[in-house]
C-alpha atoms as a PDB file:
ATOM      1  CA  UNK A   1      -0.352   0.074  -0.147  1.00  0.00           C
ATOM      2  CA  UNK A   2       1.282   3.291  -0.969  1.00  0.00           C
ATOM      3  CA  UNK A   3       2.068   6.261   0.982  1.00  0.00           C
ATOM      4  CA  UNK A   4      -1.154   7.970  -0.332  1.00  0.00           C
ATOM      5  CA  UNK A   5      -3.442   5.374  -0.072  1.00  0.00           C
ATOM      6  CA  UNK A   6      -2.592   4.918   3.440  1.00  0.00           C
ATOM      7  CA  UNK A   7      -3.221   8.347   4.592  1.00  0.00           C
ATOM      8  CA  UNK A   8      -6.377   8.257   2.395  1.00  0.00           C
ATOM      9  CA  UNK A   9      -8.035   5.530   4.487  1.00  0.00           C
ATOM     10  CA  UNK A  10      -6.824   5.944   7.950  1.00  0.00           C
ATOM     11  CA  UNK A  11      -7.699   3.781  10.513  1.00  0.00           C
ATOM     12  CA  UNK A  12     -10.427   4.520  12.931  1.00  0.00           C
ATOM     13  CA  UNK A  13      -8.616   4.770  15.964  1.00  0.00           C
ATOM     14  CA  UNK A  14      -6.298   7.686  14.320  1.00  0.00           C
ATOM     15  CA  UNK A  15      -7.504  10.476  15.256  1.00  0.00           C
ATOM     16  CA  UNK A  16      -5.142  12.972  13.479  1.00  0.00           C
ATOM     17  CA  UNK A  17      -5.730  14.188   9.995  1.00  0.00           C
ATOM     18  CA  UNK A  18      -3.699  12.929   6.464  1.00  0.00           C
ATOM     19  CA  UNK A  19      -1.779  16.558   6.628  1.00  0.00           C
ATOM     20  CA  UNK A  20      -0.274  16.887  10.263  1.00  0.00           C
ATOM     21  CA  UNK A  21       0.137  12.612  10.696  1.00  0.00           C
ATOM     22  CA  UNK A  22       2.251  13.105   7.568  1.00  0.00           C
ATOM     23  CA  UNK A  23       4.003  16.485   8.716  1.00  0.00           C
ATOM     24  CA  UNK A  24       4.632  14.343  11.950  1.00  0.00           C
ATOM     25  CA  UNK A  25       5.722  10.616  10.765  1.00  0.00           C
ATOM     26  CA  UNK A  26       8.276  12.524   8.387  1.00  0.00           C
ATOM     27  CA  UNK A  27       9.992  14.412  10.911  1.00  0.00           C
ATOM     28  CA  UNK A  28       9.833  11.358  12.902  1.00  0.00           C
ATOM     29  CA  UNK A  29      11.734   9.295  10.321  1.00  0.00           C
ATOM     30  CA  UNK A  30      13.912  12.302  10.101  1.00  0.00           C
ATOM     31  CA  UNK A  31      15.037  11.971  13.874  1.00  0.00           C
ATOM     32  CA  UNK A  32      14.854   8.198  14.430  1.00  0.00           C
ATOM     33  CA  UNK A  33      14.965   7.070  10.848  1.00  0.00           C
ATOM     34  CA  UNK A  34      13.250   3.640   9.330  1.00  0.00           C
ATOM     35  CA  UNK A  35      13.949   1.031  11.631  1.00  0.00           C
ATOM     36  CA  UNK A  36      13.947   0.591  15.231  1.00  0.00           C
ATOM     37  CA  UNK A  37      10.854   0.669  17.809  1.00  0.00           C
ATOM     38  CA  UNK A  38       9.746   4.452  17.061  1.00  0.00           C
ATOM     39  CA  UNK A  39       9.376   3.194  13.325  1.00  0.00           C
ATOM     40  CA  UNK A  40       7.538  -0.084  14.888  1.00  0.00           C
ATOM     41  CA  UNK A  41       5.074   2.142  16.511  1.00  0.00           C
ATOM     42  CA  UNK A  42       3.826   4.327  13.168  1.00  0.00           C
ATOM     43  CA  UNK A  43       3.635   0.826  11.181  1.00  0.00           C
ATOM     44  CA  UNK A  44       1.975  -1.178  13.355  1.00  0.00           C
ATOM     45  CA  UNK A  45      -0.312   1.552  14.724  1.00  0.00           C
ATOM     46  CA  UNK A  46      -1.432   2.604  10.886  1.00  0.00           C
ATOM     47  CA  UNK A  47      -0.976  -0.788   9.281  1.00  0.00           C
ATOM     48  CA  UNK A  48      -0.905  -3.478  11.996  1.00  0.00           C
ATOM     49  CA  UNK A  49       1.457  -5.484   9.542  1.00  0.00           C
ATOM     50  CA  UNK A  50       4.852  -5.556  11.865  1.00  0.00           C
ATOM     51  CA  UNK A  51       4.902  -6.709  15.398  1.00  0.00           C
ATOM     52  CA  UNK A  52       3.741  -3.957  17.979  1.00  0.00           C
ATOM     53  CA  UNK A  53       5.956  -1.623  19.029  1.00  0.00           C
ATOM     54  CA  UNK A  54       6.381  -2.364  23.085  1.00  0.00           C
ATOM     55  CA  UNK A  55       5.771  -5.708  23.652  1.00  0.00           C
ATOM     56  CA  UNK A  56       6.602  -6.849  20.788  1.00  0.00           C
ATOM     57  CA  UNK A  57       3.419  -8.844  19.871  1.00  0.00           C
ATOM     58  CA  UNK A  58       3.060 -10.645  16.640  1.00  0.00           C
ATOM     59  CA  UNK A  59       1.422  -8.892  13.737  1.00  0.00           C
ATOM     60  CA  UNK A  60      -2.307  -9.498  13.092  1.00  0.00           C
ATOM     61  CA  UNK A  61      -2.601  -8.057  10.000  1.00  0.00           C
ATOM     62  CA  UNK A  62      -5.085  -5.655  10.596  1.00  0.00           C
ATOM     63  CA  UNK A  63      -4.300  -2.035  12.785  1.00  0.00           C
ATOM     64  CA  UNK A  64      -5.296  -1.842  16.472  1.00  0.00           C
ATOM     65  CA  UNK A  65      -8.635   0.209  18.330  1.00  0.00           C
ATOM     66  CA  UNK A  66      -8.063   2.783  19.862  1.00  0.00           C
ATOM     67  CA  UNK A  67      -7.557   0.706  23.346  1.00  0.00           C
ATOM     68  CA  UNK A  68      -5.262  -1.231  21.825  1.00  0.00           C
ATOM     69  CA  UNK A  69      -2.986   1.511  21.069  1.00  0.00           C
ATOM     70  CA  UNK A  70      -3.633   2.858  24.658  1.00  0.00           C
ATOM     71  CA  UNK A  71      -2.812  -0.396  25.924  1.00  0.00           C
ATOM     72  CA  UNK A  72       0.519  -1.106  23.793  1.00  0.00           C
ATOM     73  CA  UNK A  73       1.356   2.160  24.785  1.00  0.00           C
ATOM     74  CA  UNK A  74       1.145   2.177  28.347  1.00  0.00           C
ATOM     75  CA  UNK A  75       2.444  -2.116  28.370  1.00  0.00           C
ATOM     76  CA  UNK A  76       5.364  -3.103  30.208  1.00  0.00           C
ATOM     77  CA  UNK A  77       8.289  -3.376  27.016  1.00  0.00           C
ATOM     78  CA  UNK A  78       9.681  -6.391  25.902  1.00  0.00           C
ATOM     79  CA  UNK A  79      13.999  -5.940  25.637  1.00  0.00           C
ATOM     80  CA  UNK A  80      16.552  -8.237  25.726  1.00  0.00           C
ATOM     81  CA  UNK A  81      18.114  -6.724  28.573  1.00  0.00           C
ATOM     82  CA  UNK A  82      17.513  -3.859  30.788  1.00  0.00           C
ATOM     83  CA  UNK A  83      19.316  -1.314  28.889  1.00  0.00           C
ATOM     84  CA  UNK A  84      18.485  -2.259  25.176  1.00  0.00           C
ATOM     85  CA  UNK A  85      16.704   0.721  24.482  1.00  0.00           C
ATOM     86  CA  UNK A  86      19.211   2.794  22.026  1.00  0.00           C
ATOM     87  CA  UNK A  87      18.245   6.135  22.046  1.00  0.00           C
ATOM     88  CA  UNK A  88      14.837   5.800  24.089  1.00  0.00           C
ATOM     89  CA  UNK A  89      12.967   4.550  20.957  1.00  0.00           C
ATOM     90  CA  UNK A  90      10.584   2.396  23.341  1.00  0.00           C
ATOM     91  CA  UNK A  91       9.805   5.717  24.892  1.00  0.00           C
ATOM     92  CA  UNK A  92       9.341   7.976  21.526  1.00  0.00           C
ATOM     93  CA  UNK A  93       7.284   4.749  20.733  1.00  0.00           C
ATOM     94  CA  UNK A  94       4.788   5.188  23.314  1.00  0.00           C
ATOM     95  CA  UNK A  95       4.547   8.783  22.650  1.00  0.00           C
ATOM     96  CA  UNK A  96       3.496   8.163  18.978  1.00  0.00           C
ATOM     97  CA  UNK A  97       0.852   5.655  19.876  1.00  0.00           C
ATOM     98  CA  UNK A  98      -0.491   8.015  22.541  1.00  0.00           C
ATOM     99  CA  UNK A  99      -0.743  10.906  20.204  1.00  0.00           C
ATOM    100  CA  UNK A 100      -2.001   9.043  17.079  1.00  0.00           C
ATOM    101  CA  UNK A 101      -4.893   8.138  19.705  1.00  0.00           C
ATOM    102  CA  UNK A 102      -5.515  11.533  20.895  1.00  0.00           C
ATOM    103  CA  UNK A 103      -4.346  10.866  24.449  1.00  0.00           C
ATOM    104  CA  UNK A 104      -1.543  13.236  23.932  1.00  0.00           C
ATOM    105  CA  UNK A 105      -1.451  16.942  22.677  1.00  0.00           C
ATOM    106  CA  UNK A 106       2.202  17.385  21.484  1.00  0.00           C
ATOM    107  CA  UNK A 107       3.446  15.717  19.031  1.00  0.00           C
ATOM    108  CA  UNK A 108       5.958  12.213  19.417  1.00  0.00           C
ATOM    109  CA  UNK A 109       8.741  14.566  18.282  1.00  0.00           C
ATOM    110  CA  UNK A 110      12.473  15.183  20.000  1.00  0.00           C
ATOM    111  CA  UNK A 111      13.437  18.531  19.091  1.00  0.00           C
ATOM    112  CA  UNK A 112       9.760  20.187  18.144  1.00  0.00           C
ATOM    113  CA  UNK A 113       9.137  23.612  17.961  1.00  0.00           C
ATOM    114  CA  UNK A 114       7.110  25.972  19.770  1.00  0.00           C
ATOM    115  CA  UNK A 115       3.921  24.811  17.817  1.00  0.00           C
ATOM    116  CA  UNK A 116       4.495  21.609  18.713  1.00  0.00           C
ATOM    117  CA  UNK A 117       3.509  20.466  14.777  1.00  0.00           C
ATOM    118  CA  UNK A 118       7.543  20.596  13.744  1.00  0.00           C
ATOM    119  CA  UNK A 119      11.110  21.044  13.832  1.00  0.00           C
ATOM    120  CA  UNK A 120      13.120  23.772  14.711  1.00  0.00           C
ATOM    121  CA  UNK A 121      14.522  24.462  10.890  1.00  0.00           C
ATOM    122  CA  UNK A 122      17.672  26.035  12.801  1.00  0.00           C
ATOM    123  CA  UNK A 123      18.540  23.563  14.822  1.00  0.00           C
ATOM    124  CA  UNK A 124      21.740  21.461  15.327  1.00  0.00           C
ATOM    125  CA  UNK A 125      20.433  18.349  14.946  1.00  0.00           C
ATOM    126  CA  UNK A 126      21.456  15.697  12.795  1.00  0.00           C
ATOM    127  CA  UNK A 127      18.853  13.441  13.494  1.00  0.00           C
ATOM    128  CA  UNK A 128      19.275   9.689  11.632  1.00  0.00           C
ATOM    129  CA  UNK A 129      21.118   8.809   9.130  1.00  0.00           C
ATOM    130  CA  UNK A 130      20.203   7.793   5.242  1.00  0.00           C
ATOM    131  CA  UNK A 131      19.254   3.836   5.319  1.00  0.00           C
ATOM    132  CA  UNK A 132      20.344   3.928   1.313  1.00  0.00           C
ATOM    133  CA  UNK A 133      24.572   4.170   0.588  1.00  0.00           C
ATOM    134  CA  UNK A 134      25.451   7.123  -2.009  1.00  0.00           C
ATOM    135  CA  UNK A 135      25.595   3.981  -4.826  1.00  0.00           C
ATOM    136  CA  UNK A 136      22.061   3.292  -4.162  1.00  0.00           C
ATOM    137  CA  UNK A 137      20.539   6.459  -4.578  1.00  0.00           C
ATOM    138  CA  UNK A 138      23.235   7.128  -7.769  1.00  0.00           C
ATOM    139  CA  UNK A 139      21.412   4.350  -9.047  1.00  0.00           C
ATOM    140  CA  UNK A 140      18.069   5.048  -8.464  1.00  0.00           C
ATOM    141  CA  UNK A 141      18.910   8.227  -9.505  1.00  0.00           C
ATOM    142  CA  UNK A 142      19.591   7.095 -12.905  1.00  0.00           C
ATOM    143  CA  UNK A 143      16.727   5.286 -13.219  1.00  0.00           C
ATOM    144  CA  UNK A 144      14.599   8.056 -12.835  1.00  0.00           C
ATOM    145  CA  UNK A 145      15.856   9.227 -15.487  1.00  0.00           C
ATOM    146  CA  UNK A 146      15.255   6.902 -17.841  1.00  0.00           C
ATOM    147  CA  UNK A 147      11.827   7.427 -16.692  1.00  0.00           C
ATOM    148  CA  UNK A 148      12.080  11.020 -17.475  1.00  0.00           C
ATOM    149  CA  UNK A 149      12.969   9.816 -20.509  1.00  0.00           C
ATOM    150  CA  UNK A 150      10.898   7.363 -21.182  1.00  0.00           C
ATOM    151  CA  UNK A 151       7.124   8.965 -20.788  1.00  0.00           C
ATOM    152  CA  UNK A 152       8.883  12.926 -21.823  1.00  0.00           C
ATOM    153  CA  UNK A 153       6.401  12.674 -25.068  1.00  0.00           C
ATOM    154  CA  UNK A 154       3.465  11.914 -22.153  1.00  0.00           C
ATOM    155  CA  UNK A 155       2.468   8.571 -23.871  1.00  0.00           C
ATOM    156  CA  UNK A 156       3.288   5.988 -21.372  1.00  0.00           C
ATOM    157  CA  UNK A 157       2.042   2.304 -22.127  1.00  0.00           C
ATOM    158  CA  UNK A 158       1.705   1.155 -18.536  1.00  0.00           C
ATOM    159  CA  UNK A 159      -0.837   1.501 -16.126  1.00  0.00           C
ATOM    160  CA  UNK A 160      -1.781   4.956 -14.883  1.00  0.00           C
ATOM    161  CA  UNK A 161      -1.174   7.254 -18.493  1.00  0.00           C
ATOM    162  CA  UNK A 162       2.487   8.909 -19.346  1.00  0.00           C
ATOM    163  CA  UNK A 163       1.933  12.482 -17.796  1.00  0.00           C
ATOM    164  CA  UNK A 164       1.579  11.257 -14.495  1.00  0.00           C
ATOM    165  CA  UNK A 165       4.406   8.560 -15.175  1.00  0.00           C
ATOM    166  CA  UNK A 166       6.249  11.431 -16.335  1.00  0.00           C
ATOM    167  CA  UNK A 167       5.427  13.626 -12.848  1.00  0.00           C
ATOM    168  CA  UNK A 168       6.343  10.592 -11.131  1.00  0.00           C
ATOM    169  CA  UNK A 169      10.216  10.731 -12.611  1.00  0.00           C
ATOM    170  CA  UNK A 170      10.477  14.644 -11.640  1.00  0.00           C
ATOM    171  CA  UNK A 171       8.953  14.035  -8.312  1.00  0.00           C
ATOM    172  CA  UNK A 172      11.734  11.266  -7.524  1.00  0.00           C
ATOM    173  CA  UNK A 173      14.348  13.127  -9.317  1.00  0.00           C
ATOM    174  CA  UNK A 174      13.918  16.603  -7.181  1.00  0.00           C
ATOM    175  CA  UNK A 175      14.317  14.783  -4.062  1.00  0.00           C
ATOM    176  CA  UNK A 176      17.155  12.215  -5.126  1.00  0.00           C
ATOM    177  CA  UNK A 177      19.179  14.784  -6.721  1.00  0.00           C
ATOM    178  CA  UNK A 178      18.987  16.581  -3.742  1.00  0.00           C
ATOM    179  CA  UNK A 179      19.942  13.695  -1.389  1.00  0.00           C
ATOM    180  CA  UNK A 180      22.825  13.163  -3.893  1.00  0.00           C
ATOM    181  CA  UNK A 181      24.436  16.413  -3.805  1.00  0.00           C
ATOM    182  CA  UNK A 182      22.895  17.542  -7.026  1.00  0.00           C
ATOM    183  CA  UNK A 183      23.802  21.542  -7.791  1.00  0.00           C
ATOM    184  CA  UNK A 184      21.186  23.625  -7.228  1.00  0.00           C
ATOM    185  CA  UNK A 185      19.128  23.685  -4.613  1.00  0.00           C
ATOM    186  CA  UNK A 186      16.052  21.609  -2.871  1.00  0.00           C
ATOM    187  CA  UNK A 187      13.138  21.071  -5.439  1.00  0.00           C
ATOM    188  CA  UNK A 188      15.921  20.874  -8.425  1.00  0.00           C
ATOM    189  CA  UNK A 189      15.935  17.980 -10.786  1.00  0.00           C
ATOM    190  CA  UNK A 190      19.406  18.218 -11.835  1.00  0.00           C
ATOM    191  CA  UNK A 191      21.780  15.980 -12.665  1.00  0.00           C
ATOM    192  CA  UNK A 192      23.442  13.960  -9.683  1.00  0.00           C
ATOM    193  CA  UNK A 193      26.526  13.983  -8.665  1.00  0.00           C
ATOM    194  CA  UNK A 194      28.890  11.045  -8.538  1.00  0.00           C
ATOM    195  CA  UNK A 195      28.335   8.901  -5.674  1.00  0.00           C
ATOM    196  CA  UNK A 196      31.494   9.935  -2.810  1.00  0.00           C
ATOM    197  CA  UNK A 197      32.028  13.457  -4.439  1.00  0.00           C
ATOM    198  CA  UNK A 198      28.993  16.109  -2.985  1.00  0.00           C
ATOM    199  CA  UNK A 199      30.461  18.302  -0.800  1.00  0.00           C
ATOM    200  CA  UNK A 200      27.188  19.632   0.935  1.00  0.00           C
ATOM    201  CA  UNK A 201      24.316  16.585   1.122  1.00  0.00           C
ATOM    202  CA  UNK A 202      21.280  17.433   3.493  1.00  0.00           C
ATOM    203  CA  UNK A 203      20.966  14.785   6.244  1.00  0.00           C
ATOM    204  CA  UNK A 204      18.005  13.055   6.083  1.00  0.00           C
ATOM    205  CA  UNK A 205      16.667  15.566   9.037  1.00  0.00           C
ATOM    206  CA  UNK A 206      16.271  18.786   6.780  1.00  0.00           C
ATOM    207  CA  UNK A 207      14.661  16.143   4.248  1.00  0.00           C
ATOM    208  CA  UNK A 208      12.359  15.451   6.335  1.00  0.00           C
ATOM    209  CA  UNK A 209      11.715  19.001   6.716  1.00  0.00           C
ATOM    210  CA  UNK A 210      11.253  19.839   3.525  1.00  0.00           C
ATOM    211  CA  UNK A 211       8.520  16.862   2.623  1.00  0.00           C
ATOM    212  CA  UNK A 212       6.731  17.593   5.637  1.00  0.00           C
ATOM    213  CA  UNK A 213       4.128  19.681   3.574  1.00  0.00           C
ATOM    214  CA  UNK A 214       3.616  16.866   1.615  1.00  0.00           C
ATOM    215  CA  UNK A 215      -0.392  16.157   1.988  1.00  0.00           C
ATOM    216  CA  UNK A 216      -1.240  19.780   1.679  1.00  0.00           C
ATOM    217  CA  UNK A 217       0.855  19.937  -1.648  1.00  0.00           C
ATOM    218  CA  UNK A 218      -1.430  17.169  -2.684  1.00  0.00           C
ATOM    219  CA  UNK A 219      -4.787  18.287  -1.545  1.00  0.00           C
ATOM    220  CA  UNK A 220      -4.359  21.574  -3.543  1.00  0.00           C
ATOM    221  CA  UNK A 221      -3.453  19.647  -6.679  1.00  0.00           C
ATOM    222  CA  UNK A 222      -6.246  17.554  -5.961  1.00  0.00           C
ATOM    223  CA  UNK A 223      -8.193  20.982  -6.125  1.00  0.00           C
ATOM    224  CA  UNK A 224      -7.020  21.892  -9.109  1.00  0.00           C
ATOM    225  CA  UNK A 225      -7.858  18.188 -10.523  1.00  0.00           C
ATOM    226  CA  UNK A 226      -4.030  18.475 -11.434  1.00  0.00           C
ATOM    227  CA  UNK A 227      -3.322  14.206 -10.789  1.00  0.00           C
ATOM    228  CA  UNK A 228      -0.142  14.624 -12.395  1.00  0.00           C
ATOM    229  CA  UNK A 229       1.257  17.259 -10.181  1.00  0.00           C
ATOM    230  CA  UNK A 230      -0.251  15.058  -6.990  1.00  0.00           C
ATOM    231  CA  UNK A 231       1.720  12.643  -8.639  1.00  0.00           C
ATOM    232  CA  UNK A 232       4.614  14.304  -8.617  1.00  0.00           C
ATOM    233  CA  UNK A 233       4.197  14.878  -5.213  1.00  0.00           C
ATOM    234  CA  UNK A 234       3.567  11.580  -4.338  1.00  0.00           C
ATOM    235  CA  UNK A 235       6.495  10.591  -6.019  1.00  0.00           C
ATOM    236  CA  UNK A 236       8.639  13.123  -3.202  1.00  0.00           C
ATOM    237  CA  UNK A 237       6.817  11.512  -0.386  1.00  0.00           C
ATOM    238  CA  UNK A 238       7.588   8.025  -1.519  1.00  0.00           C
ATOM    239  CA  UNK A 239      11.206   9.159  -2.368  1.00  0.00           C
ATOM    240  CA  UNK A 240      11.610  10.287   1.084  1.00  0.00           C
ATOM    241  CA  UNK A 241      10.267   6.882   2.763  1.00  0.00           C
ATOM    242  CA  UNK A 242      12.899   4.828   1.154  1.00  0.00           C
ATOM    243  CA  UNK A 243      15.714   7.259   1.479  1.00  0.00           C
ATOM    244  CA  UNK A 244      14.447   6.317   5.306  1.00  0.00           C
ATOM    245  CA  UNK A 245      14.707   2.959   5.425  1.00  0.00           C
ATOM    246  CA  UNK A 246      10.852   2.635   5.773  1.00  0.00           C
ATOM    247  CA  UNK A 247      10.194   1.329   2.151  1.00  0.00           C
ATOM    248  CA  UNK A 248      12.438  -1.173   0.606  1.00  0.00           C
ATOM    249  CA  UNK A 249      11.247  -0.863  -2.598  1.00  0.00           C
ATOM    250  CA  UNK A 250      12.930   2.283  -4.911  1.00  0.00           C
ATOM    251  CA  UNK A 251      10.409   4.674  -5.891  1.00  0.00           C
ATOM    252  CA  UNK A 252      11.285   3.935  -9.302  1.00  0.00           C
ATOM    253  CA  UNK A 253      12.881   0.426 -10.842  1.00  0.00           C
ATOM    254  CA  UNK A 254      15.274  -0.114 -12.880  1.00  0.00           C
ATOM    255  CA  UNK A 255      12.928   0.494 -16.838  1.00  0.00           C
ATOM    256  CA  UNK A 256      12.045   3.815 -15.668  1.00  0.00           C
ATOM    257  CA  UNK A 257       8.736   2.323 -13.711  1.00  0.00           C
ATOM    258  CA  UNK A 258       6.967   4.149 -10.942  1.00  0.00           C
ATOM    259  CA  UNK A 259       5.695   2.039  -7.891  1.00  0.00           C
ATOM    260  CA  UNK A 260       2.249   2.891  -8.922  1.00  0.00           C
ATOM    261  CA  UNK A 261       2.885   1.431 -12.240  1.00  0.00           C
ATOM    262  CA  UNK A 262       2.336  -1.917 -13.598  1.00  0.00           C
ATOM    263  CA  UNK A 263       5.694  -3.484 -14.174  1.00  0.00           C
ATOM    264  CA  UNK A 264       5.175  -7.265 -14.926  1.00  0.00           C
ATOM    265  CA  UNK A 265       9.411  -7.336 -15.088  1.00  0.00           C
ATOM    266  CA  UNK A 266      10.228  -5.365 -11.896  1.00  0.00           C
ATOM    267  CA  UNK A 267      11.720  -8.070  -9.417  1.00  0.00           C
ATOM    268  CA  UNK A 268      13.520 -10.438 -11.909  1.00  0.00           C
ATOM    269  CA  UNK A 269      16.653 -10.445 -12.512  1.00  0.00           C
ATOM    270  CA  UNK A 270      18.720  -8.152 -14.387  1.00  0.00           C
ATOM    271  CA  UNK A 271      22.010  -9.136 -16.149  1.00  0.00           C
ATOM    272  CA  UNK A 272      22.409  -6.250 -17.948  1.00  0.00           C
ATOM    273  CA  UNK A 273      24.968  -4.403 -15.383  1.00  0.00           C
ATOM    274  CA  UNK A 274      27.541  -7.229 -16.003  1.00  0.00           C
ATOM    275  CA  UNK A 275      27.125  -7.263 -19.639  1.00  0.00           C
ATOM    276  CA  UNK A 276      27.329  -3.149 -20.000  1.00  0.00           C
ATOM    277  CA  UNK A 277      24.392  -2.770 -22.474  1.00  0.00           C
ATOM    278  CA  UNK A 278      20.511  -3.651 -22.226  1.00  0.00           C
ATOM    279  CA  UNK A 279      20.508  -7.280 -23.445  1.00  0.00           C
ATOM    280  CA  UNK A 280      16.822  -6.919 -24.124  1.00  0.00           C
ATOM    281  CA  UNK A 281      15.277 -10.322 -24.714  1.00  0.00           C
ATOM    282  CA  UNK A 282      17.760 -12.303 -23.842  1.00  0.00           C
ATOM    283  CA  UNK A 283      17.469 -10.981 -20.538  1.00  0.00           C
ATOM    284  CA  UNK A 284      14.350 -12.379 -18.170  1.00  0.00           C
ATOM    285  CA  UNK A 285      13.508  -8.570 -17.026  1.00  0.00           C
ATOM    286  CA  UNK A 286      14.259  -6.629 -20.204  1.00  0.00           C
ATOM    287  CA  UNK A 287      12.217  -8.720 -22.288  1.00  0.00           C
ATOM    288  CA  UNK A 288       9.502  -6.384 -22.548  1.00  0.00           C
ATOM    289  CA  UNK A 289      11.087  -3.230 -21.684  1.00  0.00           C
ATOM    290  CA  UNK A 290      14.934  -2.063 -21.915  1.00  0.00           C
ATOM    291  CA  UNK A 291      16.179  -1.224 -18.697  1.00  0.00           C
ATOM    292  CA  UNK A 292      18.619   1.814 -17.454  1.00  0.00           C
ATOM    293  CA  UNK A 293      21.417   0.515 -19.911  1.00  0.00           C
ATOM    294  CA  UNK A 294      19.371   0.315 -23.223  1.00  0.00           C
ATOM    295  CA  UNK A 295      19.426   4.740 -22.593  1.00  0.00           C
ATOM    296  CA  UNK A 296      22.184   6.918 -23.828  1.00  0.00           C
ATOM    297  CA  UNK A 297      23.741   9.476 -22.044  1.00  0.00           C
ATOM    298  CA  UNK A 298      22.098  12.074 -24.439  1.00  0.00           C
ATOM    299  CA  UNK A 299      18.624  10.614 -23.299  1.00  0.00           C
ATOM    300  CA  UNK A 300      18.979  10.608 -20.210  1.00  0.00           C
ATOM    301  CA  UNK A 301      20.676  13.986 -19.643  1.00  0.00           C
ATOM    302  CA  UNK A 302      17.366  15.824 -21.636  1.00  0.00           C
ATOM    303  CA  UNK A 303      14.025  15.904 -19.747  1.00  0.00           C
ATOM    304  CA  UNK A 304      12.567  16.513 -24.271  1.00  0.00           C
ATOM    305  CA  UNK A 305      14.540  13.784 -25.546  1.00  0.00           C
ATOM    306  CA  UNK A 306      12.558  11.366 -27.839  1.00  0.00           C
END
């Protein structure tokens, strides 16, 4: 389930509207990362598809009700040893559950602004590390460049339509370019700096501050009936979740297809990297669509290439 569908269909036990909930979730992941008890609290409360964050009870496959949220928040923690709570994540997990249930007014953030809804952008706070190394980010960036080229004419053959797929590629490029240390400011879809050469890459915390207004952008796009713009903002949100480690699947695959598209060969093993070129029908992953190895540098460098 994508983040937008999740926020559009929040469980009944969740008392927070989608826009502030996404803002706090993004900032929480920027502080704590996509692994550990705090992230587990968010996932368990919103989906029920993982062990509970405090007692580590096995997943039931459905979100808990409000009583379940509060009971978990106040239960004794299951710890391997007394000191096995790095960074106080069990306490943060309790706060997340109570905030989602409406029993806590202040947002469950370590470094809250006076409003209680965000982080102080000027504070000297490092937050969590990226869950993806520079090589992974650079690879995903090149895949998004392939997607931008593939759909530059707006006539894509896969589910979702070319215009939305093109917008998705642009949104992915915006965030991956920034995370990789691309020239320009946040929001620019410029070419990625090769891994290891960027001097001023942002922190995950800084990116969280930028993407926290995503649901507001989605709402405005929907009011204008601009589905492509909504897809672009959604792509930024999904890309952040991948960078934080919340999502395991990159926001775009090596064929340039976004996660919202139907790509039958997405999970197939691709041997084109070893060959240094797209093998086409000789590769199980590329029999239908060429992968990034089948695009020239000129094609990837221009968003209007045909």
